[in-house]
Amino acid sequence: MSEKNLPYIIQYPADYGGCGFWRFLWPQLVMNMKGLASVCHSQLYIRDFLHYKKATAVHIQRQTKPMQLTFFQKLSDVKKRMNFRLIYESDDIIFPEDIPPYNQAKEKYLSHTSHAKEIMELCDEVTVSTPFLRDYYLNKTNQKNITVIPNYPPLFWIGSHFSEELILRNYRAHKSRPRILYSGSASHFNFSTDDKEIPDDFSHVKEVILANADKFKWVFVGAFPKSLMQFIKAGLVEYHPWQNLDNYPRFLSKLQINMWIAPLQENDFNRAKSDLKFLEATAFGLPVACQDLCTYAVAPIKFKTGEEMIKRIRETLETEETFLNASRRARTLLDGRWLERDENIGKYLDVYCHPYGHPMRKYV
């Protein structure tokens, strides 16, 4: 297909952090590199209508503010004249009544629910990352054209750090006190200064983490529960600040981790999340114990309580055979999830090029 005949896509990412890359910027890069589409993006709203003259689709991510609503109302009028598709994207619940109180994003969205809903409903379609999130927005909005595009890790970003020889060597080196990783943002933890204890994503596992600090070397990257501060200061628990996305895989690959954990509180916000921790851990060939929620439906190793989490860790790391079996099983599940696979990047092209429910859609 010649460049002039390629689909022309304009993206408005919400940020240049994790979700901006997972949902927009990495797919954009793959589509451009493979010559599947001509995709550009901006965080500044382009008001010159000629910019949209040849657009196939405009994809907007997590826009919620009053001025954003005003802009996209005007863009919706332009769409009717230019005949492009206007698509909304959300990979999280953004309605504050269903964001847990420990999550720092809750306050950010408190006054913007109605604006986000209006923007969603003026679009032709909404893309989300999980089936639970699709059903949530079907119930919360009048938008009925909602399509699931799961999160897919790019092979070029995190796919070159797997070595069975290396993880086996690390397993043997730390057999007496395995290194267990949690990597995640501060949004999972309650940092309130109030006396009132607000349960967060680690409330049900923090006691067993403390009780087993001599048996496992707990490693936190990005953030940690405030109750672990004294253990970190004493060197009993290891902490590393968050890394930029470019360095993130290289940094984690040097930590000699033996297994990951992915605890979550049981609430709709977490049920709507995607399985990023499973994908990241498995990209390194490492087993990961995941909370037993629909979030991690594909994960082979699950737990509900802190005690179950410790049990699953011990079972998985008991012998080289159990460890390698868990690693190989998870890697097999990951094989179909790389972003570069035709059927995965093809989901974006289906949504951009064909209306919701169109028979020409091959992958969604």
Protein backbone atom coordinates (compact mmCIF):
# COMPACT_ATOMS: atom_id res chain seq x y z
CA MET A 1 0.00 0.00 0.00
CA SER A 2 1.47 3.37 -0.95
CA GLU A 3 1.91 5.98 1.75
CA LYS A 4 -0.78 8.20 0.29
CA ASN A 5 -3.30 5.35 0.63
CA LEU A 6 -2.43 4.47 4.23
CA PRO A 7 -5.01 5.12 6.95
CA TYR A 8 -4.22 8.48 8.56
CA ILE A 9 -4.70 8.43 12.34
CA ILE A 10 -4.48 11.34 14.79
CA GLN A 11 -4.02 10.49 18.48
CA TYR A 12 -4.46 12.64 21.57
CA PRO A 13 -2.72 10.70 24.38
CA ALA A 14 -3.53 11.59 27.97
CA ASP A 15 0.12 11.59 29.02
CA TYR A 16 3.62 10.42 28.21
CA GLY A 17 3.61 7.96 31.10
CA GLY A 18 2.74 4.28 31.17
CA CYS A 19 -0.79 4.32 29.79
CA GLY A 20 0.13 6.76 27.03
CA PHE A 21 2.75 4.34 25.76
CA TRP A 22 0.86 1.06 26.28
CA ARG A 23 -2.32 2.28 24.60
CA PHE A 24 -1.18 4.85 22.02
CA LEU A 25 2.52 5.52 21.50
CA TRP A 26 3.81 1.95 21.20
CA PRO A 27 0.94 0.88 18.89
CA GLN A 28 1.58 4.05 16.88
CA LEU A 29 5.25 3.17 16.53
CA VAL A 30 4.50 -0.38 15.40
CA MET A 31 1.91 0.73 12.85
CA ASN A 32 4.29 3.33 11.44
CA MET A 33 7.28 0.98 11.36
CA LYS A 34 5.31 -1.80 9.66
CA GLY A 35 3.83 0.62 7.14
CA LEU A 36 0.29 -0.24 8.24
CA ALA A 37 -0.86 3.32 8.84
CA SER A 38 0.37 6.88 9.13
CA VAL A 39 -0.12 7.80 12.79
CA CYS A 40 0.70 11.07 14.53
CA HIS A 41 -0.10 12.46 17.96
CA SER A 42 -0.26 15.67 19.95
CA GLN A 43 -1.12 16.78 23.47
CA LEU A 44 -1.88 20.25 22.15
CA TYR A 45 -5.35 20.48 20.61
CA ILE A 46 -5.14 21.34 16.94
CA ARG A 47 -7.97 23.67 16.01
CA ASP A 48 -7.23 24.07 12.32
CA PHE A 49 -9.92 21.92 10.69
CA LEU A 50 -7.69 21.31 7.65
CA HIS A 51 -5.50 19.12 9.89
CA TYR A 52 -8.37 16.60 9.95
CA LYS A 53 -9.24 16.76 6.26
CA LYS A 54 -7.73 13.40 5.34
CA ALA A 55 -8.02 11.73 8.75
CA THR A 56 -9.35 8.18 8.94
CA ALA A 57 -9.80 8.34 12.70
CA VAL A 58 -9.05 10.52 15.73
CA HIS A 59 -8.35 8.59 18.93
CA ILE A 60 -8.57 10.51 22.22
CA GLN A 61 -7.38 9.15 25.55
CA ARG A 62 -8.99 9.74 28.95
CA GLN A 63 -10.15 13.31 28.29
CA THR A 64 -12.34 14.54 31.17
CA LYS A 65 -12.05 18.30 31.73
CA PRO A 66 -14.59 21.01 30.78
CA MET A 67 -12.28 22.63 28.21
CA GLN A 68 -11.62 19.20 26.71
CA LEU A 69 -15.35 18.63 26.35
CA THR A 70 -15.69 21.99 24.57
CA PHE A 71 -12.91 21.09 22.14
CA PHE A 72 -14.24 17.64 21.31
CA GLN A 73 -17.77 18.96 20.86
CA LYS A 74 -16.37 21.23 18.15
CA LEU A 75 -14.28 18.38 16.74
CA SER A 76 -17.41 16.24 16.60
CA ASP A 77 -18.98 18.86 14.31
CA VAL A 78 -15.85 18.81 12.13
CA LYS A 79 -16.07 15.01 12.03
CA LYS A 80 -19.50 15.15 10.42
CA ARG A 81 -18.11 17.25 7.57
CA MET A 82 -14.77 15.43 7.20
CA ASN A 83 -16.13 11.91 7.71
CA PHE A 84 -13.48 10.55 10.08
CA ARG A 85 -14.09 8.29 13.07
CA LEU A 86 -13.91 9.80 16.57
CA ILE A 87 -12.87 7.24 19.19
CA TYR A 88 -12.47 7.52 22.97
CA GLU A 89 -9.97 5.45 24.96
CA SER A 90 -9.90 4.55 28.65
CA ASP A 91 -7.86 1.81 30.30
CA ASP A 92 -9.14 2.51 33.83
CA ILE A 93 -12.34 3.44 35.61
CA ILE A 94 -12.43 7.23 35.62
CA PHE A 95 -15.71 7.79 37.48
CA PRO A 96 -14.75 8.77 41.05
CA GLU A 97 -17.55 6.90 42.81
CA ASP A 98 -15.82 3.67 41.82
CA ILE A 99 -12.21 4.74 42.41
CA PRO A 100 -11.07 3.49 45.84
CA PRO A 101 -10.25 6.18 48.44
CA TYR A 102 -6.57 5.19 48.71
CA ASN A 103 -6.00 5.88 45.01
CA GLN A 104 -4.56 9.33 44.36
CA ALA A 105 -6.48 9.60 41.08
CA LYS A 106 -9.83 9.80 42.86
CA GLU A 107 -9.59 13.48 43.72
CA LYS A 108 -8.40 14.31 40.20
CA TYR A 109 -11.67 13.05 38.68
CA LEU A 110 -14.13 14.22 41.36
CA SER A 111 -15.53 17.14 39.36
CA HIS A 112 -15.18 15.73 35.85
CA THR A 113 -17.44 12.67 35.68
CA SER A 114 -20.18 14.30 33.61
CA HIS A 115 -17.67 15.77 31.14
CA ALA A 116 -16.00 12.41 30.54
CA LYS A 117 -19.39 10.77 30.04
CA GLU A 118 -20.42 13.42 27.50
CA ILE A 119 -17.18 13.06 25.55
CA MET A 120 -17.58 9.27 25.46
CA GLU A 121 -21.12 9.55 24.18
CA LEU A 122 -20.35 11.98 21.37
CA CYS A 123 -17.70 9.57 20.01
CA ASP A 124 -18.38 6.81 17.50
CA GLU A 125 -16.75 4.20 19.69
CA VAL A 126 -14.87 3.64 22.93
CA THR A 127 -11.84 1.38 23.30
CA VAL A 128 -11.01 -0.24 26.65
CA SER A 129 -8.42 -2.71 27.88
CA THR A 130 -10.59 -5.39 29.56
CA PRO A 131 -14.01 -7.04 29.25
CA PHE A 132 -14.93 -5.91 32.79
CA LEU A 133 -14.20 -2.29 31.87
CA ARG A 134 -16.32 -2.65 28.71
CA ASP A 135 -19.28 -3.90 30.75
CA TYR A 136 -18.74 -1.16 33.33
CA TYR A 137 -18.98 1.63 30.75
CA LEU A 138 -21.91 -0.06 29.02
CA ASN A 139 -23.77 0.26 32.32
CA LYS A 140 -22.50 3.72 33.24
CA THR A 141 -22.94 5.53 29.91
CA ASN A 142 -25.24 5.60 26.91
CA GLN A 143 -22.35 4.58 24.67
CA LYS A 144 -23.00 1.09 23.28
CA ASN A 145 -20.09 0.80 20.84
CA ILE A 146 -17.32 -0.34 23.19
CA THR A 147 -14.45 -2.53 21.99
CA VAL A 148 -11.84 -4.38 24.02
CA ILE A 149 -8.23 -4.02 22.88
CA PRO A 150 -6.09 -5.74 25.53
CA ASN A 151 -2.72 -4.38 26.57
CA TYR A 152 0.09 -5.91 24.55
CA PRO A 153 3.77 -5.58 25.53
CA PRO A 154 6.12 -4.62 22.69
CA LEU A 155 8.70 -7.28 21.93
CA PHE A 156 11.20 -4.54 21.07
CA TRP A 157 10.80 -3.01 24.56
CA ILE A 158 10.86 -5.92 26.98
CA GLY A 159 11.26 -9.05 24.89
CA SER A 160 15.05 -9.33 24.86
CA HIS A 161 15.63 -9.81 28.59
CA PHE A 162 14.57 -13.44 28.94
CA SER A 163 17.21 -16.08 29.50
CA GLU A 164 16.35 -19.41 31.10
CA GLU A 165 20.02 -19.91 31.93
CA LEU A 166 20.12 -16.56 33.76
CA ILE A 167 16.94 -17.04 35.79
CA LEU A 168 18.07 -20.54 36.79
CA ARG A 169 21.44 -19.14 37.89
CA ASN A 170 19.64 -16.47 39.94
CA TYR A 171 17.36 -19.13 41.41
CA ARG A 172 20.34 -21.13 42.64
CA ALA A 173 22.14 -18.05 43.94
CA HIS A 174 19.19 -17.00 46.12
CA LYS A 175 17.73 -20.39 47.02
CA SER A 176 18.15 -19.77 50.76
CA ARG A 177 16.32 -16.41 50.63
CA PRO A 178 14.51 -15.89 47.31
CA ARG A 179 14.13 -12.37 45.96
CA ILE A 180 10.43 -11.48 45.50
CA LEU A 181 9.52 -8.35 43.54
CA TYR A 182 6.63 -5.94 43.61
CA SER A 183 6.87 -3.23 40.97
CA GLY A 184 4.14 -0.60 40.88
CA SER A 185 3.09 2.99 41.43
CA ALA A 186 2.08 4.77 44.63
CA SER A 187 -1.59 4.63 43.56
CA HIS A 188 -1.82 1.17 45.15
CA PHE A 189 -1.01 2.39 48.66
CA ASN A 190 -2.72 4.50 51.30
CA PHE A 191 -0.52 7.43 52.26
CA SER A 192 -3.20 9.32 54.17
CA THR A 193 -1.97 11.12 57.28
CA ASP A 194 -5.34 10.62 58.98
CA ASP A 195 -5.58 8.23 61.90
CA LYS A 196 -8.28 6.31 60.08
CA GLU A 197 -6.89 3.20 58.40
CA ILE A 198 -8.02 2.98 54.77
CA PRO A 199 -7.51 -0.50 53.28
CA ASP A 200 -5.36 -0.51 50.16
CA ASP A 201 -3.99 -3.09 47.73
CA PHE A 202 -1.49 -4.41 50.30
CA SER A 203 -3.65 -4.42 53.43
CA HIS A 204 -4.28 -8.17 53.19
CA VAL A 205 -0.65 -9.13 52.50
CA LYS A 206 1.50 -6.65 54.44
CA GLU A 207 1.46 -8.70 57.66
CA VAL A 208 2.75 -11.84 55.97
CA ILE A 209 5.38 -9.79 54.16
CA LEU A 210 6.63 -8.51 57.51
CA ALA A 211 6.41 -11.97 59.10
CA ASN A 212 8.49 -13.49 56.29
CA ALA A 213 11.09 -10.76 55.92
CA ASP A 214 13.78 -13.18 57.08
CA LYS A 215 12.72 -15.95 54.66
CA PHE A 216 12.28 -13.83 51.52
CA LYS A 217 14.06 -10.71 50.34
CA TRP A 218 11.14 -8.46 49.41
CA VAL A 219 12.07 -5.99 46.68
CA PHE A 220 9.88 -2.97 45.89
CA VAL A 221 10.31 -0.81 42.81
CA GLY A 222 8.38 2.44 42.45
CA ALA A 223 6.57 2.59 45.78
CA PHE A 224 5.95 0.62 48.96
CA PRO A 225 3.46 0.50 51.87
CA LYS A 226 4.35 3.08 54.49
CA SER A 227 4.27 0.34 57.15
CA LEU A 228 7.47 -1.05 55.60
CA MET A 229 9.49 2.15 56.03
CA GLN A 230 11.38 0.98 59.10
CA PHE A 231 12.20 -2.35 57.44
CA ILE A 232 13.55 -0.54 54.38
CA LYS A 233 15.67 1.75 56.56
CA ALA A 234 17.01 -1.31 58.38
CA GLY A 235 17.85 -3.05 55.08
CA LEU A 236 15.46 -5.95 55.67
CA VAL A 237 13.32 -4.90 52.70
CA GLU A 238 14.86 -3.52 49.49
CA TYR A 239 13.50 -0.46 47.70
CA HIS A 240 14.36 1.20 44.39
CA PRO A 241 12.78 4.38 42.95
CA TRP A 242 10.68 4.22 39.80
CA GLN A 243 12.56 3.99 36.52
CA ASN A 244 11.75 5.67 33.24
CA LEU A 245 10.21 3.39 30.63
CA ASP A 246 13.36 3.26 28.54
CA ASN A 247 15.45 1.93 31.44
CA TYR A 248 12.73 -0.09 33.19
CA PRO A 249 13.34 -3.53 31.60
CA ARG A 250 17.13 -3.23 31.83
CA PHE A 251 16.92 -2.18 35.46
CA LEU A 252 14.62 -5.01 36.49
CA SER A 253 16.73 -7.57 34.66
CA LYS A 254 19.69 -6.69 36.91
CA LEU A 255 17.85 -7.19 40.22
CA GLN A 256 18.21 -11.00 40.16
CA ILE A 257 14.52 -11.47 40.95
CA ASN A 258 13.17 -15.00 41.44
CA MET A 259 9.42 -14.32 41.50
CA TRP A 260 6.90 -11.44 41.38
CA ILE A 261 3.74 -10.72 43.34
CA ALA A 262 0.66 -8.76 42.23
CA PRO A 263 -1.73 -8.14 45.15
CA LEU A 264 -4.95 -6.19 44.68
CA GLN A 265 -7.92 -5.28 46.84
CA GLU A 266 -11.20 -6.73 45.64
CA ASN A 267 -13.09 -3.80 44.12
CA ASP A 268 -14.47 -2.86 40.72
CA PHE A 269 -11.60 -0.48 40.00
CA ASN A 270 -9.14 -3.37 40.23
CA ARG A 271 -11.42 -5.81 38.42
CA ALA A 272 -11.37 -3.38 35.49
CA LYS A 273 -7.56 -3.33 35.36
CA SER A 274 -5.47 -5.23 32.84
CA ASP A 275 -2.87 -7.88 33.64
CA LEU A 276 0.24 -5.75 33.20
CA LYS A 277 2.12 -7.29 36.13
CA PHE A 278 1.60 -10.77 34.69
CA LEU A 279 2.83 -9.60 31.29
CA GLU A 280 5.90 -7.86 32.68
CA ALA A 281 6.96 -10.71 34.96
CA THR A 282 6.45 -13.32 32.27
CA ALA A 283 8.48 -11.31 29.77
CA PHE A 284 11.45 -11.98 32.06
CA GLY A 285 10.50 -15.64 32.33
CA LEU A 286 9.62 -15.24 35.99
CA PRO A 287 6.58 -16.74 37.74
CA VAL A 288 4.18 -14.28 39.36
CA ALA A 289 1.61 -14.85 42.11
CA CYS A 290 -1.47 -12.79 41.18
CA GLN A 291 -4.57 -11.78 43.08
CA ASP A 292 -7.45 -14.12 42.30
CA LEU A 293 -9.58 -11.61 40.37
CA CYS A 294 -10.84 -11.55 36.79
CA THR A 295 -7.98 -9.08 36.24
CA TYR A 296 -5.57 -12.01 36.23
CA ALA A 297 -7.84 -14.67 34.74
CA VAL A 298 -5.02 -15.98 32.54
CA ALA A 299 -2.43 -16.20 35.33
CA PRO A 300 -1.65 -19.78 36.44
CA ILE A 301 -0.63 -18.84 40.01
CA LYS A 302 -3.31 -17.08 42.07
CA PHE A 303 -4.06 -16.30 45.72
CA LYS A 304 -6.78 -14.65 47.78
CA THR A 305 -5.14 -14.12 51.17
CA GLY A 306 -1.66 -13.26 52.34
CA GLU A 307 -1.20 -16.77 53.67
CA GLU A 308 -2.14 -18.20 50.28
CA MET A 309 0.34 -15.86 48.61
CA ILE A 310 3.19 -17.19 50.77
CA LYS A 311 2.07 -20.75 50.11
CA ARG A 312 2.06 -20.20 46.33
CA ILE A 313 5.53 -18.65 46.47
CA ARG A 314 6.90 -21.60 48.42
CA GLU A 315 5.24 -24.14 46.12
CA THR A 316 6.58 -22.43 43.01
CA LEU A 317 10.13 -22.03 44.29
CA GLU A 318 10.34 -25.39 46.05
CA THR A 319 12.57 -27.05 43.44
CA GLU A 320 14.26 -26.16 40.19
CA GLU A 321 11.66 -28.28 38.43
CA THR A 322 8.65 -26.47 39.93
CA PHE A 323 10.31 -23.12 39.24
CA LEU A 324 11.15 -23.86 35.61
CA ASN A 325 7.74 -25.43 34.97
CA ALA A 326 6.05 -22.24 36.21
CA SER A 327 8.36 -20.10 34.11
CA ARG A 328 7.82 -22.11 30.92
CA ARG A 329 4.05 -22.27 31.36
CA ALA A 330 3.79 -18.50 31.78
CA ARG A 331 6.07 -17.83 28.80
CA THR A 332 3.82 -20.00 26.64
CA LEU A 333 0.84 -17.87 27.64
CA LEU A 334 2.80 -14.73 26.76
CA ASP A 335 3.72 -15.88 23.25
CA GLY A 336 0.40 -14.72 21.82
CA ARG A 337 0.45 -11.33 23.55
CA TRP A 338 3.28 -9.48 21.81
CA LEU A 339 2.12 -6.19 20.29
CA GLU A 340 3.87 -6.82 16.98
CA ARG A 341 1.76 -9.89 16.15
CA ASP A 342 -0.61 -9.23 13.23
CA GLU A 343 -3.72 -10.18 15.19
CA ASN A 344 -2.82 -7.80 18.04
CA ILE A 345 -1.78 -4.65 16.21
CA GLY A 346 -4.59 -5.51 13.79
CA LYS A 347 -7.16 -4.73 16.47
CA TYR A 348 -6.16 -1.07 16.32
CA LEU A 349 -6.43 -1.02 12.54
CA ASP A 350 -9.87 -2.66 12.69
CA VAL A 351 -11.15 0.05 15.02
CA TYR A 352 -9.56 2.88 13.04
CA CYS A 353 -10.63 1.76 9.58
CA HIS A 354 -14.08 0.20 10.01
CA PRO A 355 -17.20 1.15 11.97
CA TYR A 356 -18.20 -0.78 15.06
CA GLY A 357 -19.60 -4.20 14.08
CA HIS A 358 -18.48 -3.90 10.45
CA PRO A 359 -17.90 -7.29 8.74
CA MET A 360 -14.48 -6.11 7.48
CA ARG A 361 -13.16 -6.20 11.03
CA LYS A 362 -10.91 -9.26 11.34
CA TYR A 363 -9.66 -9.19 14.93
CA VAL A 364 -12.21 -7.40 17.13
